Amino acid sequence: MDEPTEGLSPLFVKEVGRAIQSLKKEGKLSILLVEQNLAIGLKLADYMYIMNKGVIVFEGLSDELLKRPDIQSTYLGV
């Protein structure tokens, strides 16, 4: 899914998040999610890649990203 929440109102972002979470819970498929909304990415992703100019600058579990304020501030504007 390529940025499924882009341009959506907060209400619809929640609905899309619920739909993706439902698909994830079924466990019958893998989902590749490209998303700029960090909150949605952290909520839905098991494993994350952060890219900058085509180079992977972070690879790991969502919990690991939360422990990396350097990556968050440099690449995610957090």
C-alpha atoms as a PDB file:
ATOM      1  CA  MET A   1       0.000   0.000   0.000  1.00  0.00           C
ATOM      2  CA  ASP A   2       1.483   3.293  -1.061  1.00  0.00           C
ATOM      3  CA  GLU A   3       0.538   6.059   1.390  1.00  0.00           C
ATOM      4  CA  PRO A   4      -3.066   4.953   1.933  1.00  0.00           C
ATOM      5  CA  THR A   5      -3.754   7.867   4.322  1.00  0.00           C
ATOM      6  CA  GLU A   6      -2.375  10.676   2.161  1.00  0.00           C
ATOM      7  CA  GLY A   7      -4.800  13.576   1.887  1.00  0.00           C
ATOM      8  CA  LEU A   8      -7.426  12.018   4.139  1.00  0.00           C
ATOM      9  CA  SER A   9      -9.201  13.685   7.033  1.00  0.00           C
ATOM     10  CA  PRO A  10      -8.328  12.415  10.524  1.00  0.00           C
ATOM     11  CA  LEU A  11     -11.616  10.474  10.643  1.00  0.00           C
ATOM     12  CA  PHE A  12     -10.804   8.602   7.450  1.00  0.00           C
ATOM     13  CA  VAL A  13      -7.200   8.027   8.565  1.00  0.00           C
ATOM     14  CA  LYS A  14      -8.608   6.169  11.589  1.00  0.00           C
ATOM     15  CA  GLU A  15     -10.904   4.114   9.357  1.00  0.00           C
ATOM     16  CA  VAL A  16      -8.075   3.164   7.003  1.00  0.00           C
ATOM     17  CA  GLY A  17      -5.961   2.250  10.037  1.00  0.00           C
ATOM     18  CA  ARG A  18      -8.742   0.010  11.354  1.00  0.00           C
ATOM     19  CA  ALA A  19      -9.118  -1.676   7.979  1.00  0.00           C
ATOM     20  CA  ILE A  20      -5.397  -2.387   7.709  1.00  0.00           C
ATOM     21  CA  GLN A  21      -5.311  -3.600  11.332  1.00  0.00           C
ATOM     22  CA  SER A  22      -8.181  -5.976  10.528  1.00  0.00           C
ATOM     23  CA  LEU A  23      -6.280  -7.386   7.546  1.00  0.00           C
ATOM     24  CA  LYS A  24      -3.197  -7.772   9.725  1.00  0.00           C
ATOM     25  CA  LYS A  25      -5.130  -9.666  12.419  1.00  0.00           C
ATOM     26  CA  GLU A  26      -6.364 -12.168   9.831  1.00  0.00           C
ATOM     27  CA  GLY A  27      -2.722 -13.109   9.335  1.00  0.00           C
ATOM     28  CA  LYS A  28      -3.324 -14.464   5.861  1.00  0.00           C
ATOM     29  CA  LEU A  29      -1.161 -12.001   3.987  1.00  0.00           C
ATOM     30  CA  SER A  30       1.851  -9.769   4.247  1.00  0.00           C
ATOM     31  CA  ILE A  31       1.467  -6.040   3.820  1.00  0.00           C
ATOM     32  CA  LEU A  32       4.109  -3.673   2.552  1.00  0.00           C
ATOM     33  CA  LEU A  33       3.056  -0.252   3.774  1.00  0.00           C
ATOM     34  CA  VAL A  34       4.722   2.930   2.537  1.00  0.00           C
ATOM     35  CA  GLU A  35       3.546   5.697   4.822  1.00  0.00           C
ATOM     36  CA  GLN A  36       4.675   9.157   5.895  1.00  0.00           C
ATOM     37  CA  ASN A  37       2.262   9.239   8.839  1.00  0.00           C
ATOM     38  CA  LEU A  38       4.556   7.986  11.617  1.00  0.00           C
ATOM     39  CA  ALA A  39       1.727   7.342  14.092  1.00  0.00           C
ATOM     40  CA  ILE A  40      -0.019   4.992  11.657  1.00  0.00           C
ATOM     41  CA  GLY A  41       3.268   3.323  10.735  1.00  0.00           C
ATOM     42  CA  LEU A  42       4.159   2.690  14.360  1.00  0.00           C
ATOM     43  CA  LYS A  43       0.692   1.354  15.097  1.00  0.00           C
ATOM     44  CA  LEU A  44       0.544  -1.046  12.159  1.00  0.00           C
ATOM     45  CA  ALA A  45       4.097  -2.096  11.344  1.00  0.00           C
ATOM     46  CA  ASP A  46       5.935  -5.017  12.856  1.00  0.00           C
ATOM     47  CA  TYR A  47       9.175  -4.089  11.119  1.00  0.00           C
ATOM     48  CA  MET A  48      10.226  -0.723   9.734  1.00  0.00           C
ATOM     49  CA  TYR A  49      12.659   0.747   7.270  1.00  0.00           C
ATOM     50  CA  ILE A  50      13.401   4.466   7.199  1.00  0.00           C
ATOM     51  CA  MET A  51      14.852   5.683   3.925  1.00  0.00           C
ATOM     52  CA  ASN A  52      16.570   8.942   3.076  1.00  0.00           C
ATOM     53  CA  LYS A  53      17.425   9.721  -0.538  1.00  0.00           C
ATOM     54  CA  GLY A  54      17.156   6.037  -1.468  1.00  0.00           C
ATOM     55  CA  VAL A  55      19.381   4.825   1.376  1.00  0.00           C
ATOM     56  CA  ILE A  56      18.092   2.804   4.332  1.00  0.00           C
ATOM     57  CA  VAL A  57      19.069   4.755   7.460  1.00  0.00           C
ATOM     58  CA  PHE A  58      17.141   2.609   9.943  1.00  0.00           C
ATOM     59  CA  GLU A  59      15.943  -0.982   9.916  1.00  0.00           C
ATOM     60  CA  GLY A  60      14.271  -2.630  12.862  1.00  0.00           C
ATOM     61  CA  LEU A  61      11.213  -3.207  15.000  1.00  0.00           C
ATOM     62  CA  SER A  62       8.829  -0.353  15.758  1.00  0.00           C
ATOM     63  CA  ASP A  63       9.848  -0.484  19.436  1.00  0.00           C
ATOM     64  CA  GLU A  64      13.483  -0.062  18.422  1.00  0.00           C
ATOM     65  CA  LEU A  65      12.631   3.070  16.441  1.00  0.00           C
ATOM     66  CA  LEU A  66      10.978   4.554  19.515  1.00  0.00           C
ATOM     67  CA  LYS A  67      14.317   4.176  21.327  1.00  0.00           C
ATOM     68  CA  ARG A  68      16.176   6.131  18.614  1.00  0.00           C
ATOM     69  CA  PRO A  69      15.522   9.855  19.105  1.00  0.00           C
ATOM     70  CA  ASP A  70      18.459  10.580  16.777  1.00  0.00           C
ATOM     71  CA  ILE A  71      16.709   8.857  13.863  1.00  0.00           C
ATOM     72  CA  GLN A  72      13.365  10.379  14.776  1.00  0.00           C
ATOM     73  CA  SER A  73      14.670  13.938  14.910  1.00  0.00           C
ATOM     74  CA  THR A  74      16.971  13.672  11.892  1.00  0.00           C
ATOM     75  CA  TYR A  75      14.651  11.892   9.474  1.00  0.00           C
ATOM     76  CA  LEU A  76      11.116  12.010  10.852  1.00  0.00           C
ATOM     77  CA  GLY A  77      10.792  15.540  12.184  1.00  0.00           C
ATOM     78  CA  VAL A  78       9.825  14.270  15.627  1.00  0.00           C
END
